[in-house]
Amino acid sequence: MQSCFLFLGALSALIGVGMGAFGAHGLKAVLSPELLTVYQTGVTYQMWHALGLIAIALMRQQIPESRLLLWAGWLMFIGILIFSGSLYLLALLDLKWLGMITPIGGVNFIIAWLLIAIFAAKKPHHSRYTHARR
């Protein structure tokens, strides 16, 4: 399951780079400056949260039994789909109603980061590797 978040993070980053390049080169002359900004916001949030997924994957390698990290990973991935996906569609199709869906993805991001903060605040972190290293 740990490699699942590494895969999803890497895939999200790959798609984010592609979407960013498409926006910068293919949409600059097509979209209004306002819609291009909306599109770019989707790319920015996708890239940051792709890195978040990769960080979660790395933390889960150390503490694979953490339910907090498991939930954080899924919420972050769903957040990318809803937040960035709705912004891409809003910008490309000019469907203003999609702006009502975007905050759902944002709430997923917030909860995911909160779960990571709770995970970090819990001490000590015990894993099956902790005792082997001593």
N, C-alpha and C. Protein backbone atom coordinates (compact mmCIF):
# COMPACT_ATOMS: atom_id res chain seq x y z
N MET A 1 0.82 -1.20 0.00
CA MET A 1 0.00 0.00 0.00
C MET A 1 0.87 1.26 0.00
N GLN A 2 2.08 1.19 0.61
CA GLN A 2 2.95 2.34 0.62
C GLN A 2 3.33 2.77 -0.79
N SER A 3 3.64 1.80 -1.63
CA SER A 3 4.04 2.13 -2.99
C SER A 3 2.86 2.68 -3.81
N CYS A 4 1.65 2.43 -3.35
CA CYS A 4 0.47 2.99 -4.02
C CYS A 4 0.52 4.53 -3.99
N PHE A 5 0.86 5.09 -2.83
CA PHE A 5 0.92 6.55 -2.73
C PHE A 5 2.13 7.11 -3.48
N LEU A 6 3.22 6.36 -3.52
CA LEU A 6 4.36 6.78 -4.31
C LEU A 6 3.98 6.82 -5.79
N PHE A 7 3.29 5.78 -6.24
CA PHE A 7 2.81 5.74 -7.63
C PHE A 7 1.85 6.88 -7.91
N LEU A 8 0.84 7.08 -7.04
CA LEU A 8 -0.14 8.14 -7.26
C LEU A 8 0.50 9.52 -7.21
N GLY A 9 1.48 9.70 -6.31
CA GLY A 9 2.18 10.97 -6.24
C GLY A 9 3.01 11.25 -7.49
N ALA A 10 3.73 10.23 -7.93
CA ALA A 10 4.54 10.39 -9.15
C ALA A 10 3.66 10.62 -10.37
N LEU A 11 2.56 9.87 -10.46
CA LEU A 11 1.63 10.05 -11.57
C LEU A 11 0.99 11.43 -11.54
N SER A 12 0.61 11.88 -10.36
CA SER A 12 0.02 13.22 -10.23
C SER A 12 1.02 14.30 -10.62
N ALA A 13 2.28 14.13 -10.24
CA ALA A 13 3.31 15.09 -10.62
C ALA A 13 3.54 15.08 -12.12
N LEU A 14 3.59 13.89 -12.70
CA LEU A 14 3.76 13.76 -14.15
C LEU A 14 2.63 14.48 -14.89
N ILE A 15 1.40 14.23 -14.47
CA ILE A 15 0.25 14.87 -15.10
C ILE A 15 0.28 16.37 -14.84
N GLY A 16 0.68 16.77 -13.63
CA GLY A 16 0.76 18.19 -13.30
C GLY A 16 1.75 18.93 -14.18
N VAL A 17 2.91 18.32 -14.44
CA VAL A 17 3.89 18.94 -15.33
C VAL A 17 3.30 19.06 -16.74
N GLY A 18 2.65 18.01 -17.19
CA GLY A 18 2.03 18.06 -18.52
C GLY A 18 0.93 19.11 -18.61
N MET A 19 0.10 19.19 -17.57
CA MET A 19 -0.97 20.18 -17.56
C MET A 19 -0.39 21.59 -17.50
N GLY A 20 0.69 21.76 -16.74
CA GLY A 20 1.33 23.07 -16.67
C GLY A 20 1.90 23.49 -18.01
N ALA A 21 2.57 22.57 -18.68
CA ALA A 21 3.14 22.88 -20.00
C ALA A 21 2.03 23.18 -21.01
N PHE A 22 0.96 22.39 -20.96
CA PHE A 22 -0.17 22.61 -21.85
C PHE A 22 -0.78 23.99 -21.60
N GLY A 23 -0.92 24.35 -20.35
CA GLY A 23 -1.47 25.66 -20.02
C GLY A 23 -0.58 26.79 -20.47
N ALA A 24 0.71 26.64 -20.25
CA ALA A 24 1.65 27.71 -20.59
C ALA A 24 1.82 27.89 -22.10
N HIS A 25 1.77 26.78 -22.82
CA HIS A 25 2.05 26.87 -24.25
C HIS A 25 0.81 26.73 -25.13
N GLY A 26 -0.15 25.93 -24.70
CA GLY A 26 -1.30 25.68 -25.56
C GLY A 26 -2.53 26.50 -25.24
N LEU A 27 -2.62 26.99 -24.02
CA LEU A 27 -3.84 27.70 -23.63
C LEU A 27 -3.66 29.21 -23.49
N LYS A 28 -2.43 29.66 -23.51
CA LYS A 28 -2.15 31.08 -23.27
C LYS A 28 -2.92 31.98 -24.23
N ALA A 29 -3.04 31.59 -25.48
CA ALA A 29 -3.74 32.40 -26.48
C ALA A 29 -5.23 32.09 -26.54
N VAL A 30 -5.66 31.03 -25.85
CA VAL A 30 -7.05 30.57 -25.95
C VAL A 30 -7.89 31.05 -24.77
N LEU A 31 -7.34 30.98 -23.57
CA LEU A 31 -8.10 31.32 -22.36
C LEU A 31 -7.91 32.78 -21.99
N SER A 32 -8.92 33.32 -21.35
CA SER A 32 -8.80 34.67 -20.80
C SER A 32 -7.76 34.63 -19.68
N PRO A 33 -7.19 35.78 -19.32
CA PRO A 33 -6.23 35.79 -18.21
C PRO A 33 -6.83 35.25 -16.91
N GLU A 34 -8.11 35.52 -16.66
CA GLU A 34 -8.77 35.03 -15.45
C GLU A 34 -8.86 33.51 -15.45
N LEU A 35 -9.28 32.93 -16.58
CA LEU A 35 -9.40 31.48 -16.65
C LEU A 35 -8.03 30.80 -16.67
N LEU A 36 -7.04 31.46 -17.24
CA LEU A 36 -5.68 30.91 -17.22
C LEU A 36 -5.15 30.88 -15.78
N THR A 37 -5.52 31.88 -14.99
CA THR A 37 -5.13 31.90 -13.57
C THR A 37 -5.81 30.76 -12.82
N VAL A 38 -7.08 30.52 -13.11
CA VAL A 38 -7.81 29.40 -12.49
C VAL A 38 -7.13 28.09 -12.84
N TYR A 39 -6.80 27.91 -14.10
CA TYR A 39 -6.12 26.71 -14.57
C TYR A 39 -4.78 26.54 -13.85
N GLN A 40 -4.00 27.62 -13.77
CA GLN A 40 -2.69 27.56 -13.13
C GLN A 40 -2.80 27.22 -11.65
N THR A 41 -3.87 27.69 -11.00
CA THR A 41 -4.09 27.33 -9.60
C THR A 41 -4.26 25.83 -9.46
N GLY A 42 -4.99 25.22 -10.39
CA GLY A 42 -5.14 23.76 -10.39
C GLY A 42 -3.80 23.06 -10.52
N VAL A 43 -2.96 23.55 -11.42
CA VAL A 43 -1.63 22.95 -11.61
C VAL A 43 -0.78 23.09 -10.34
N THR A 44 -0.79 24.28 -9.75
CA THR A 44 0.03 24.53 -8.56
C THR A 44 -0.37 23.61 -7.41
N TYR A 45 -1.67 23.54 -7.15
CA TYR A 45 -2.13 22.68 -6.06
C TYR A 45 -1.88 21.21 -6.35
N GLN A 46 -2.02 20.82 -7.61
CA GLN A 46 -1.75 19.43 -7.96
C GLN A 46 -0.28 19.09 -7.70
N MET A 47 0.62 19.97 -8.08
CA MET A 47 2.04 19.68 -7.89
C MET A 47 2.42 19.61 -6.41
N TRP A 48 1.95 20.56 -5.61
CA TRP A 48 2.27 20.53 -4.18
C TRP A 48 1.73 19.27 -3.52
N HIS A 49 0.53 18.89 -3.89
CA HIS A 49 -0.07 17.73 -3.24
C HIS A 49 0.45 16.41 -3.81
N ALA A 50 0.98 16.44 -5.03
CA ALA A 50 1.70 15.27 -5.55
C ALA A 50 2.94 15.03 -4.69
N LEU A 51 3.63 16.10 -4.34
CA LEU A 51 4.78 15.97 -3.44
C LEU A 51 4.34 15.50 -2.06
N GLY A 52 3.18 15.98 -1.62
CA GLY A 52 2.63 15.51 -0.35
C GLY A 52 2.38 14.01 -0.36
N LEU A 53 1.85 13.50 -1.46
CA LEU A 53 1.62 12.05 -1.59
C LEU A 53 2.93 11.28 -1.54
N ILE A 54 3.95 11.82 -2.17
CA ILE A 54 5.25 11.16 -2.15
C ILE A 54 5.81 11.15 -0.73
N ALA A 55 5.64 12.26 -0.01
CA ALA A 55 6.09 12.32 1.39
C ALA A 55 5.33 11.30 2.25
N ILE A 56 4.03 11.18 2.02
CA ILE A 56 3.24 10.20 2.76
C ILE A 56 3.75 8.80 2.47
N ALA A 57 4.05 8.51 1.21
CA ALA A 57 4.59 7.19 0.86
C ALA A 57 5.89 6.91 1.60
N LEU A 58 6.76 7.91 1.70
CA LEU A 58 8.03 7.72 2.39
C LEU A 58 7.82 7.53 3.89
N MET A 59 6.89 8.29 4.48
CA MET A 59 6.60 8.11 5.91
C MET A 59 5.99 6.75 6.17
N ARG A 60 5.15 6.28 5.27
CA ARG A 60 4.52 4.96 5.46
C ARG A 60 5.52 3.83 5.32
N GLN A 61 6.64 4.06 4.66
CA GLN A 61 7.68 3.04 4.63
C GLN A 61 8.26 2.84 6.01
N GLN A 62 8.32 3.90 6.79
CA GLN A 62 8.85 3.82 8.15
C GLN A 62 7.80 3.35 9.15
N ILE A 63 6.56 3.79 8.96
CA ILE A 63 5.46 3.46 9.89
C ILE A 63 4.29 2.93 9.05
N PRO A 64 4.40 1.72 8.53
CA PRO A 64 3.39 1.21 7.60
C PRO A 64 2.01 1.00 8.23
N GLU A 65 1.95 0.88 9.54
CA GLU A 65 0.67 0.60 10.18
C GLU A 65 -0.14 1.86 10.49
N SER A 66 0.38 3.04 10.18
CA SER A 66 -0.31 4.28 10.53
C SER A 66 -1.59 4.48 9.72
N ARG A 67 -2.72 4.46 10.43
CA ARG A 67 -4.02 4.73 9.79
C ARG A 67 -4.15 6.21 9.45
N LEU A 68 -3.50 7.07 10.25
CA LEU A 68 -3.55 8.51 9.95
C LEU A 68 -2.93 8.81 8.59
N LEU A 69 -1.78 8.20 8.33
CA LEU A 69 -1.12 8.42 7.04
C LEU A 69 -1.91 7.79 5.90
N LEU A 70 -2.51 6.65 6.16
CA LEU A 70 -3.33 6.01 5.13
C LEU A 70 -4.48 6.92 4.72
N TRP A 71 -5.20 7.43 5.71
CA TRP A 71 -6.32 8.33 5.43
C TRP A 71 -5.82 9.63 4.78
N ALA A 72 -4.71 10.15 5.27
CA ALA A 72 -4.16 11.38 4.70
C ALA A 72 -3.84 11.20 3.22
N GLY A 73 -3.26 10.06 2.87
CA GLY A 73 -2.92 9.80 1.48
C GLY A 73 -4.14 9.75 0.58
N TRP A 74 -5.16 9.03 1.02
CA TRP A 74 -6.36 8.93 0.18
C TRP A 74 -7.09 10.27 0.08
N LEU A 75 -7.16 11.01 1.19
CA LEU A 75 -7.80 12.32 1.14
C LEU A 75 -7.03 13.27 0.23
N MET A 76 -5.71 13.19 0.28
CA MET A 76 -4.91 14.07 -0.56
C MET A 76 -5.11 13.73 -2.04
N PHE A 77 -5.14 12.45 -2.37
CA PHE A 77 -5.35 12.06 -3.76
C PHE A 77 -6.73 12.47 -4.25
N ILE A 78 -7.75 12.22 -3.44
CA ILE A 78 -9.11 12.63 -3.81
C ILE A 78 -9.17 14.15 -3.94
N GLY A 79 -8.45 14.85 -3.06
CA GLY A 79 -8.39 16.31 -3.16
C GLY A 79 -7.82 16.77 -4.50
N ILE A 80 -6.78 16.11 -4.96
CA ILE A 80 -6.20 16.45 -6.27
C ILE A 80 -7.25 16.27 -7.36
N LEU A 81 -7.92 15.14 -7.33
CA LEU A 81 -8.93 14.87 -8.37
C LEU A 81 -10.03 15.93 -8.36
N ILE A 82 -10.55 16.23 -7.17
CA ILE A 82 -11.69 17.15 -7.08
C ILE A 82 -11.26 18.60 -7.25
N PHE A 83 -10.24 19.02 -6.50
CA PHE A 83 -9.83 20.43 -6.53
C PHE A 83 -9.24 20.79 -7.89
N SER A 84 -8.14 20.15 -8.24
CA SER A 84 -7.48 20.49 -9.50
C SER A 84 -8.34 20.11 -10.70
N GLY A 85 -8.96 18.93 -10.63
CA GLY A 85 -9.81 18.51 -11.74
C GLY A 85 -10.94 19.48 -12.02
N SER A 86 -11.60 19.96 -10.97
CA SER A 86 -12.70 20.90 -11.18
C SER A 86 -12.19 22.23 -11.73
N LEU A 87 -11.00 22.66 -11.30
CA LEU A 87 -10.45 23.91 -11.83
C LEU A 87 -10.06 23.77 -13.30
N TYR A 88 -9.49 22.62 -13.66
CA TYR A 88 -9.16 22.39 -15.07
C TYR A 88 -10.42 22.45 -15.94
N LEU A 89 -11.45 21.73 -15.50
CA LEU A 89 -12.69 21.70 -16.27
C LEU A 89 -13.36 23.06 -16.30
N LEU A 90 -13.34 23.77 -15.18
CA LEU A 90 -13.92 25.11 -15.13
C LEU A 90 -13.23 26.02 -16.15
N ALA A 91 -11.90 25.98 -16.17
CA ALA A 91 -11.14 26.84 -17.08
C ALA A 91 -11.32 26.43 -18.54
N LEU A 92 -11.26 25.14 -18.81
CA LEU A 92 -11.32 24.68 -20.20
C LEU A 92 -12.72 24.75 -20.80
N LEU A 93 -13.73 24.47 -19.97
CA LEU A 93 -15.10 24.42 -20.48
C LEU A 93 -15.92 25.64 -20.07
N ASP A 94 -15.33 26.50 -19.26
CA ASP A 94 -15.99 27.71 -18.75
C ASP A 94 -17.32 27.37 -18.07
N LEU A 95 -17.30 26.30 -17.27
CA LEU A 95 -18.49 25.89 -16.52
C LEU A 95 -18.36 26.43 -15.10
N LYS A 96 -18.98 27.58 -14.87
CA LYS A 96 -18.84 28.27 -13.58
C LYS A 96 -19.34 27.44 -12.41
N TRP A 97 -20.34 26.58 -12.62
CA TRP A 97 -20.91 25.79 -11.52
C TRP A 97 -19.88 24.85 -10.91
N LEU A 98 -18.83 24.52 -11.65
CA LEU A 98 -17.79 23.65 -11.10
C LEU A 98 -17.05 24.31 -9.94
N GLY A 99 -17.13 25.64 -9.86
CA GLY A 99 -16.53 26.35 -8.75
C GLY A 99 -17.15 25.96 -7.42
N MET A 100 -18.36 25.42 -7.42
CA MET A 100 -19.00 24.98 -6.18
C MET A 100 -18.42 23.66 -5.69
N ILE A 101 -17.82 22.88 -6.59
CA ILE A 101 -17.26 21.58 -6.24
C ILE A 101 -15.83 21.72 -5.72
N THR A 102 -15.11 22.71 -6.21
CA THR A 102 -13.70 22.90 -5.88
C THR A 102 -13.43 22.90 -4.37
N PRO A 103 -14.23 23.60 -3.55
CA PRO A 103 -13.93 23.60 -2.10
C PRO A 103 -13.98 22.23 -1.44
N ILE A 104 -14.70 21.29 -2.01
CA ILE A 104 -14.71 19.93 -1.46
C ILE A 104 -13.31 19.34 -1.53
N GLY A 105 -12.64 19.56 -2.66
CA GLY A 105 -11.25 19.11 -2.79
C GLY A 105 -10.34 19.84 -1.82
N GLY A 106 -10.59 21.13 -1.62
CA GLY A 106 -9.80 21.91 -0.67
C GLY A 106 -9.95 21.40 0.75
N VAL A 107 -11.17 21.01 1.12
CA VAL A 107 -11.40 20.45 2.46
C VAL A 107 -10.65 19.13 2.60
N ASN A 108 -10.62 18.34 1.54
CA ASN A 108 -9.84 17.09 1.57
C ASN A 108 -8.37 17.39 1.84
N PHE A 109 -7.82 18.41 1.17
CA PHE A 109 -6.43 18.79 1.41
C PHE A 109 -6.21 19.18 2.87
N ILE A 110 -7.09 20.03 3.38
CA ILE A 110 -6.94 20.52 4.75
C ILE A 110 -6.96 19.36 5.74
N ILE A 111 -7.91 18.46 5.57
CA ILE A 111 -8.00 17.32 6.49
C ILE A 111 -6.77 16.42 6.36
N ALA A 112 -6.30 16.22 5.14
CA ALA A 112 -5.10 15.39 4.94
C ALA A 112 -3.91 15.99 5.68
N TRP A 113 -3.69 17.29 5.55
CA TRP A 113 -2.58 17.93 6.24
C TRP A 113 -2.78 17.91 7.75
N LEU A 114 -4.01 18.04 8.20
CA LEU A 114 -4.30 17.94 9.64
C LEU A 114 -3.93 16.55 10.16
N LEU A 115 -4.28 15.51 9.42
CA LEU A 115 -3.94 14.15 9.83
C LEU A 115 -2.43 13.95 9.89
N ILE A 116 -1.71 14.55 8.95
CA ILE A 116 -0.25 14.46 8.99
C ILE A 116 0.29 15.19 10.22
N ALA A 117 -0.29 16.34 10.54
CA ALA A 117 0.14 17.09 11.73
C ALA A 117 -0.13 16.28 13.00
N ILE A 118 -1.29 15.64 13.06
CA ILE A 118 -1.60 14.79 14.23
C ILE A 118 -0.62 13.63 14.30
N PHE A 119 -0.34 13.03 13.16
CA PHE A 119 0.64 11.94 13.11
C PHE A 119 1.99 12.42 13.65
N ALA A 120 2.42 13.60 13.20
CA ALA A 120 3.72 14.13 13.61
C ALA A 120 3.75 14.47 15.10
N ALA A 121 2.60 14.90 15.64
CA ALA A 121 2.54 15.30 17.05
C ALA A 121 2.53 14.11 17.98
N LYS A 122 2.10 12.97 17.50
CA LYS A 122 2.09 11.76 18.34
C LYS A 122 3.51 11.26 18.51
N LYS A 123 3.91 11.08 19.74
CA LYS A 123 5.26 10.60 20.01
C LYS A 123 5.20 9.51 21.04
N PRO A 124 6.11 8.59 21.02
CA PRO A 124 7.04 8.30 19.94
C PRO A 124 6.36 7.49 18.85
N HIS A 125 6.96 7.50 17.69
CA HIS A 125 6.47 6.68 16.58
C HIS A 125 7.15 5.32 16.67
N HIS A 126 6.36 4.33 16.92
CA HIS A 126 6.91 2.97 16.98
C HIS A 126 6.61 2.27 15.67
N SER A 127 7.55 1.57 15.19
CA SER A 127 7.35 0.75 14.01
C SER A 127 8.06 -0.57 14.22
N ARG A 128 7.86 -1.46 13.32
CA ARG A 128 8.53 -2.75 13.44
C ARG A 128 10.04 -2.60 13.26
N TYR A 129 10.49 -1.45 12.72
CA TYR A 129 11.91 -1.22 12.50
C TYR A 129 12.60 -0.57 13.70
N THR A 130 11.84 0.06 14.58
CA THR A 130 12.42 0.81 15.69
C THR A 130 13.31 -0.07 16.55
N HIS A 131 12.83 -1.24 16.92
CA HIS A 131 13.59 -2.10 17.82
C HIS A 131 14.79 -2.75 17.13
N ALA A 132 14.69 -2.95 15.85
CA ALA A 132 15.79 -3.58 15.12
C ALA A 132 16.99 -2.62 15.01
N ARG A 133 16.75 -1.33 15.05
CA ARG A 133 17.82 -0.35 14.90
C ARG A 133 18.58 -0.13 16.20
N ARG A 134 18.02 -0.49 17.30
CA ARG A 134 18.69 -0.22 18.59
C ARG A 134 19.76 -1.19 18.90
